[in-house]
Structure formats: C-alpha cells, structure tokens
Amino acid sequence: MHDRWNLDGTWGTCDAYCQKYAGGP
C-alpha cells in the first residue's frame, strides 16, 4: 500500500510524505 523508498526519493519518486516529512529527496 506504500513503497518506503518513495519517502526519500531513493528511486526517483518523492511522494507527499517525502515532501512533508523529509523536505525532499
């Protein structure tokens, strides 16, 4: 239901949680 690797843009996708909680890739 989610891919952890989107949380910090590891494979190129920085999703809403990445943008809000990590401040970007």
PDB file of all heavy atoms in Angstrom:
ATOM      1  N   MET A   1       0.806  -1.213   0.000  1.00  0.00           N
ATOM      2  CA  MET A   1       0.000   0.000   0.000  1.00  0.00           C
ATOM      3  C   MET A   1       0.848   1.277   0.000  1.00  0.00           C
ATOM      4  O   MET A   1       0.323   2.383  -0.123  1.00  0.00           O
ATOM      5  CB  MET A   1      -0.956  -0.033   1.184  1.00  0.00           C
ATOM      6  CG  MET A   1      -1.857  -1.283   1.136  1.00  0.00           C
ATOM      7  SD  MET A   1      -2.737  -1.618   2.665  1.00  0.00           S
ATOM      8  CE  MET A   1      -4.273  -0.749   2.374  1.00  0.00           C
ATOM      9  N   HIS A   2       2.147   1.112   0.108  1.00  0.00           N
ATOM     10  CA  HIS A   2       3.095   2.220   0.004  1.00  0.00           C
ATOM     11  C   HIS A   2       4.474   1.617  -0.225  1.00  0.00           C
ATOM     12  O   HIS A   2       4.721   0.466   0.145  1.00  0.00           O
ATOM     13  CB  HIS A   2       3.103   3.066   1.286  1.00  0.00           C
ATOM     14  CG  HIS A   2       3.939   4.313   1.170  1.00  0.00           C
ATOM     15  ND1 HIS A   2       5.247   4.391   1.620  1.00  0.00           N
ATOM     16  CD2 HIS A   2       3.655   5.529   0.640  1.00  0.00           C
ATOM     17  CE1 HIS A   2       5.726   5.603   1.376  1.00  0.00           C
ATOM     18  NE2 HIS A   2       4.793   6.311   0.786  1.00  0.00           N
ATOM     19  N   ASP A   3       5.351   2.388  -0.849  1.00  0.00           N
ATOM     20  CA  ASP A   3       6.740   1.973  -1.024  1.00  0.00           C
ATOM     21  C   ASP A   3       7.630   2.880  -0.192  1.00  0.00           C
ATOM     22  O   ASP A   3       7.710   4.087  -0.445  1.00  0.00           O
ATOM     23  CB  ASP A   3       7.144   2.049  -2.491  1.00  0.00           C
ATOM     24  CG  ASP A   3       8.545   1.511  -2.744  1.00  0.00           C
ATOM     25  OD1 ASP A   3       9.166   0.976  -1.797  1.00  0.00           O
ATOM     26  OD2 ASP A   3       9.016   1.627  -3.892  1.00  0.00           O
ATOM     27  N   ARG A   4       8.279   2.298   0.822  1.00  0.00           N
ATOM     28  CA  ARG A   4       9.137   3.085   1.700  1.00  0.00           C
ATOM     29  C   ARG A   4      10.147   3.929   0.932  1.00  0.00           C
ATOM     30  O   ARG A   4      10.521   5.026   1.343  1.00  0.00           O
ATOM     31  CB  ARG A   4       9.870   2.152   2.677  1.00  0.00           C
ATOM     32  CG  ARG A   4      10.988   2.824   3.499  1.00  0.00           C
ATOM     33  CD  ARG A   4      12.346   2.649   2.836  1.00  0.00           C
ATOM     34  NE  ARG A   4      13.394   3.414   3.498  1.00  0.00           N
ATOM     35  CZ  ARG A   4      13.704   4.672   3.237  1.00  0.00           C
ATOM     36  NH1 ARG A   4      13.011   5.372   2.343  1.00  0.00           N
ATOM     37  NH2 ARG A   4      14.707   5.279   3.843  1.00  0.00           N
ATOM     38  N   TRP A   5      10.610   3.430  -0.231  1.00  0.00           N
ATOM     39  CA  TRP A   5      11.683   4.112  -0.960  1.00  0.00           C
ATOM     40  C   TRP A   5      11.206   5.401  -1.618  1.00  0.00           C
ATOM     41  O   TRP A   5      12.016   6.175  -2.136  1.00  0.00           O
ATOM     42  CB  TRP A   5      12.323   3.142  -1.951  1.00  0.00           C
ATOM     43  CG  TRP A   5      12.795   1.926  -1.230  1.00  0.00           C
ATOM     44  CD1 TRP A   5      12.265   0.664  -1.287  1.00  0.00           C
ATOM     45  CD2 TRP A   5      13.873   1.852  -0.282  1.00  0.00           C
ATOM     46  NE1 TRP A   5      12.941  -0.185  -0.447  1.00  0.00           N
ATOM     47  CE2 TRP A   5      13.922   0.522   0.190  1.00  0.00           C
ATOM     48  CE3 TRP A   5      14.778   2.780   0.222  1.00  0.00           C
ATOM     49  CZ2 TRP A   5      14.865   0.098   1.134  1.00  0.00           C
ATOM     50  CZ3 TRP A   5      15.710   2.359   1.164  1.00  0.00           C
ATOM     51  CH2 TRP A   5      15.750   1.031   1.608  1.00  0.00           C
ATOM     52  N   ASN A   6       9.884   5.661  -1.563  1.00  0.00           N
ATOM     53  CA  ASN A   6       9.363   6.958  -2.009  1.00  0.00           C
ATOM     54  C   ASN A   6       9.490   8.027  -0.929  1.00  0.00           C
ATOM     55  O   ASN A   6       9.274   9.207  -1.198  1.00  0.00           O
ATOM     56  CB  ASN A   6       7.888   6.841  -2.415  1.00  0.00           C
ATOM     57  CG  ASN A   6       7.700   6.023  -3.669  1.00  0.00           C
ATOM     58  OD1 ASN A   6       8.658   5.704  -4.371  1.00  0.00           O
ATOM     59  ND2 ASN A   6       6.457   5.666  -3.960  1.00  0.00           N
ATOM     60  N   LEU A   7       9.816   7.618   0.295  1.00  0.00           N
ATOM     61  CA  LEU A   7       9.878   8.579   1.397  1.00  0.00           C
ATOM     62  C   LEU A   7      11.085   9.502   1.301  1.00  0.00           C
ATOM     63  O   LEU A   7      11.086  10.585   1.887  1.00  0.00           O
ATOM     64  CB  LEU A   7       9.906   7.845   2.743  1.00  0.00           C
ATOM     65  CG  LEU A   7       8.605   7.136   3.151  1.00  0.00           C
ATOM     66  CD1 LEU A   7       8.831   6.339   4.428  1.00  0.00           C
ATOM     67  CD2 LEU A   7       7.479   8.141   3.350  1.00  0.00           C
ATOM     68  N   ASP A   8      12.123   9.076   0.613  1.00  0.00           N
ATOM     69  CA  ASP A   8      13.279   9.957   0.443  1.00  0.00           C
ATOM     70  C   ASP A   8      13.796   9.951  -0.994  1.00  0.00           C
ATOM     71  O   ASP A   8      14.935  10.308  -1.256  1.00  0.00           O
ATOM     72  CB  ASP A   8      14.402   9.603   1.422  1.00  0.00           C
ATOM     73  CG  ASP A   8      14.820   8.145   1.342  1.00  0.00           C
ATOM     74  OD1 ASP A   8      14.395   7.448   0.395  1.00  0.00           O
ATOM     75  OD2 ASP A   8      15.572   7.692   2.223  1.00  0.00           O
ATOM     76  N   GLY A   9      12.927   9.553  -1.917  1.00  0.00           N
ATOM     77  CA  GLY A   9      13.271   9.642  -3.326  1.00  0.00           C
ATOM     78  C   GLY A   9      14.390   8.723  -3.768  1.00  0.00           C
ATOM     79  O   GLY A   9      15.099   9.017  -4.736  1.00  0.00           O
ATOM     80  N   THR A  10      14.534   7.572  -3.092  1.00  0.00           N
ATOM     81  CA  THR A  10      15.644   6.670  -3.403  1.00  0.00           C
ATOM     82  C   THR A  10      15.670   6.289  -4.873  1.00  0.00           C
ATOM     83  O   THR A  10      16.732   6.267  -5.510  1.00  0.00           O
ATOM     84  CB  THR A  10      15.561   5.402  -2.534  1.00  0.00           C
ATOM     85  OG1 THR A  10      15.624   5.772  -1.160  1.00  0.00           O
ATOM     86  CG2 THR A  10      16.703   4.447  -2.852  1.00  0.00           C
ATOM     87  N   TRP A  11      14.512   5.977  -5.448  1.00  0.00           N
ATOM     88  CA  TRP A  11      14.459   5.548  -6.853  1.00  0.00           C
ATOM     89  C   TRP A  11      13.794   6.596  -7.742  1.00  0.00           C
ATOM     90  O   TRP A  11      13.295   6.272  -8.808  1.00  0.00           O
ATOM     91  CB  TRP A  11      13.718   4.207  -6.962  1.00  0.00           C
ATOM     92  CG  TRP A  11      14.362   3.124  -6.157  1.00  0.00           C
ATOM     93  CD1 TRP A  11      13.856   2.486  -5.066  1.00  0.00           C
ATOM     94  CD2 TRP A  11      15.660   2.545  -6.370  1.00  0.00           C
ATOM     95  NE1 TRP A  11      14.736   1.558  -4.578  1.00  0.00           N
ATOM     96  CE2 TRP A  11      15.859   1.567  -5.362  1.00  0.00           C
ATOM     97  CE3 TRP A  11      16.682   2.761  -7.302  1.00  0.00           C
ATOM     98  CZ2 TRP A  11      17.024   0.807  -5.266  1.00  0.00           C
ATOM     99  CZ3 TRP A  11      17.848   2.008  -7.202  1.00  0.00           C
ATOM    100  CH2 TRP A  11      18.001   1.050  -6.207  1.00  0.00           C
ATOM    101  N   GLY A  12      13.752   7.842  -7.256  1.00  0.00           N
ATOM    102  CA  GLY A  12      13.298   8.928  -8.127  1.00  0.00           C
ATOM    103  C   GLY A  12      11.932   9.494  -7.812  1.00  0.00           C
ATOM    104  O   GLY A  12      11.582  10.563  -8.317  1.00  0.00           O
ATOM    105  N   THR A  13      11.116   8.801  -7.010  1.00  0.00           N
ATOM    106  CA  THR A  13       9.802   9.304  -6.637  1.00  0.00           C
ATOM    107  C   THR A  13       9.848   9.858  -5.222  1.00  0.00           C
ATOM    108  O   THR A  13      10.158   9.135  -4.275  1.00  0.00           O
ATOM    109  CB  THR A  13       8.733   8.197  -6.725  1.00  0.00           C
ATOM    110  OG1 THR A  13       8.611   7.752  -8.082  1.00  0.00           O
ATOM    111  CG2 THR A  13       7.386   8.709  -6.244  1.00  0.00           C
ATOM    112  N   CYS A  14       9.548  11.129  -5.066  1.00  0.00           N
ATOM    113  CA  CYS A  14       9.455  11.776  -3.756  1.00  0.00           C
ATOM    114  C   CYS A  14       7.990  12.149  -3.564  1.00  0.00           C
ATOM    115  O   CYS A  14       7.509  13.148  -4.097  1.00  0.00           O
ATOM    116  CB  CYS A  14      10.350  13.005  -3.699  1.00  0.00           C
ATOM    117  SG  CYS A  14      10.295  13.934  -2.149  1.00  0.00           S
ATOM    118  N   ASP A  15       7.261  11.326  -2.834  1.00  0.00           N
ATOM    119  CA  ASP A  15       5.813  11.495  -2.732  1.00  0.00           C
ATOM    120  C   ASP A  15       5.447  12.535  -1.676  1.00  0.00           C
ATOM    121  O   ASP A  15       6.304  13.258  -1.148  1.00  0.00           O
ATOM    122  CB  ASP A  15       5.131  10.154  -2.483  1.00  0.00           C
ATOM    123  CG  ASP A  15       5.459   9.535  -1.121  1.00  0.00           C
ATOM    124  OD1 ASP A  15       6.103  10.194  -0.278  1.00  0.00           O
ATOM    125  OD2 ASP A  15       5.039   8.377  -0.899  1.00  0.00           O
ATOM    126  N   ALA A  16       4.154  12.635  -1.351  1.00  0.00           N
ATOM    127  CA  ALA A  16       3.684  13.662  -0.423  1.00  0.00           C
ATOM    128  C   ALA A  16       4.342  13.536   0.948  1.00  0.00           C
ATOM    129  O   ALA A  16       4.664  14.544   1.589  1.00  0.00           O
ATOM    130  CB  ALA A  16       2.161  13.572  -0.291  1.00  0.00           C
ATOM    131  N   TYR A  17       4.568  12.302   1.411  1.00  0.00           N
ATOM    132  CA  TYR A  17       5.186  12.106   2.724  1.00  0.00           C
ATOM    133  C   TYR A  17       6.660  12.522   2.682  1.00  0.00           C
ATOM    134  O   TYR A  17       7.188  13.081   3.637  1.00  0.00           O
ATOM    135  CB  TYR A  17       5.046  10.647   3.161  1.00  0.00           C
ATOM    136  CG  TYR A  17       3.605  10.230   3.320  1.00  0.00           C
ATOM    137  CD1 TYR A  17       2.931   9.586   2.278  1.00  0.00           C
ATOM    138  CD2 TYR A  17       2.911  10.489   4.489  1.00  0.00           C
ATOM    139  CE1 TYR A  17       1.605   9.222   2.409  1.00  0.00           C
ATOM    140  CE2 TYR A  17       1.586  10.125   4.632  1.00  0.00           C
ATOM    141  CZ  TYR A  17       0.932   9.491   3.586  1.00  0.00           C
ATOM    142  OH  TYR A  17      -0.383   9.138   3.710  1.00  0.00           O
ATOM    143  N   CYS A  18       7.306  12.240   1.573  1.00  0.00           N
ATOM    144  CA  CYS A  18       8.689  12.676   1.366  1.00  0.00           C
ATOM    145  C   CYS A  18       8.772  14.194   1.420  1.00  0.00           C
ATOM    146  O   CYS A  18       9.644  14.769   2.099  1.00  0.00           O
ATOM    147  CB  CYS A  18       9.179  12.148   0.024  1.00  0.00           C
ATOM    148  SG  CYS A  18      10.749  12.798  -0.572  1.00  0.00           S
ATOM    149  N   GLN A  19       7.862  14.856   0.734  1.00  0.00           N
ATOM    150  CA  GLN A  19       7.893  16.314   0.669  1.00  0.00           C
ATOM    151  C   GLN A  19       7.579  16.947   2.020  1.00  0.00           C
ATOM    152  O   GLN A  19       8.185  17.969   2.393  1.00  0.00           O
ATOM    153  CB  GLN A  19       6.903  16.795  -0.384  1.00  0.00           C
ATOM    154  CG  GLN A  19       7.280  16.386  -1.804  1.00  0.00           C
ATOM    155  CD  GLN A  19       6.150  16.556  -2.782  1.00  0.00           C
ATOM    156  OE1 GLN A  19       5.517  17.598  -2.846  1.00  0.00           O
ATOM    157  NE2 GLN A  19       5.875  15.516  -3.567  1.00  0.00           N
ATOM    158  N   LYS A  20       6.655  16.345   2.770  1.00  0.00           N
ATOM    159  CA  LYS A  20       6.256  16.944   4.047  1.00  0.00           C
ATOM    160  C   LYS A  20       7.213  16.621   5.184  1.00  0.00           C
ATOM    161  O   LYS A  20       7.545  17.489   5.996  1.00  0.00           O
ATOM    162  CB  LYS A  20       4.847  16.489   4.425  1.00  0.00           C
ATOM    163  CG  LYS A  20       4.361  17.093   5.748  1.00  0.00           C
ATOM    164  CD  LYS A  20       2.887  16.827   5.993  1.00  0.00           C
ATOM    165  CE  LYS A  20       2.437  17.520   7.278  1.00  0.00           C
ATOM    166  NZ  LYS A  20       0.991  17.359   7.527  1.00  0.00           N
ATOM    167  N   TYR A  21       7.672  15.355   5.238  1.00  0.00           N
ATOM    168  CA  TYR A  21       8.421  14.918   6.412  1.00  0.00           C
ATOM    169  C   TYR A  21       9.931  14.825   6.195  1.00  0.00           C
ATOM    170  O   TYR A  21      10.694  14.806   7.159  1.00  0.00           O
ATOM    171  CB  TYR A  21       7.878  13.576   6.914  1.00  0.00           C
ATOM    172  CG  TYR A  21       6.475  13.706   7.447  1.00  0.00           C
ATOM    173  CD1 TYR A  21       5.384  13.314   6.684  1.00  0.00           C
ATOM    174  CD2 TYR A  21       6.239  14.263   8.697  1.00  0.00           C
ATOM    175  CE1 TYR A  21       4.090  13.461   7.160  1.00  0.00           C
ATOM    176  CE2 TYR A  21       4.955  14.413   9.186  1.00  0.00           C
ATOM    177  CZ  TYR A  21       3.881  14.009   8.408  1.00  0.00           C
ATOM    178  OH  TYR A  21       2.601  14.169   8.891  1.00  0.00           O
ATOM    179  N   ALA A  22      10.353  14.748   4.944  1.00  0.00           N
ATOM    180  CA  ALA A  22      11.796  14.666   4.678  1.00  0.00           C
ATOM    181  C   ALA A  22      12.335  15.927   4.021  1.00  0.00           C
ATOM    182  O   ALA A  22      13.539  16.097   3.922  1.00  0.00           O
ATOM    183  CB  ALA A  22      12.113  13.452   3.814  1.00  0.00           C
ATOM    184  N   GLY A  23      11.426  16.786   3.548  1.00  0.00           N
ATOM    185  CA  GLY A  23      11.884  18.028   2.934  1.00  0.00           C
ATOM    186  C   GLY A  23      12.493  17.832   1.570  1.00  0.00           C
ATOM    187  O   GLY A  23      13.237  18.689   1.092  1.00  0.00           O
ATOM    188  N   GLY A  24      12.192  16.687   0.934  1.00  0.00           N
ATOM    189  CA  GLY A  24      12.705  16.443  -0.404  1.00  0.00           C
ATOM    190  C   GLY A  24      13.575  15.204  -0.452  1.00  0.00           C
ATOM    191  O   GLY A  24      13.870  14.587   0.568  1.00  0.00           O
ATOM    192  N   PRO A  25      13.978  14.814  -1.659  1.00  0.00           N
ATOM    193  CA  PRO A  25      14.748  13.580  -1.825  1.00  0.00           C
ATOM    194  C   PRO A  25      16.121  13.646  -1.171  1.00  0.00           C
ATOM    195  O   PRO A  25      16.733  14.703  -1.067  1.00  0.00           O
ATOM    196  CB  PRO A  25      14.855  13.427  -3.339  1.00  0.00           C
ATOM    197  CG  PRO A  25      14.650  14.796  -3.884  1.00  0.00           C
ATOM    198  CD  PRO A  25      13.704  15.480  -2.940  1.00  0.00           C
TER     199      PRO A  25
END
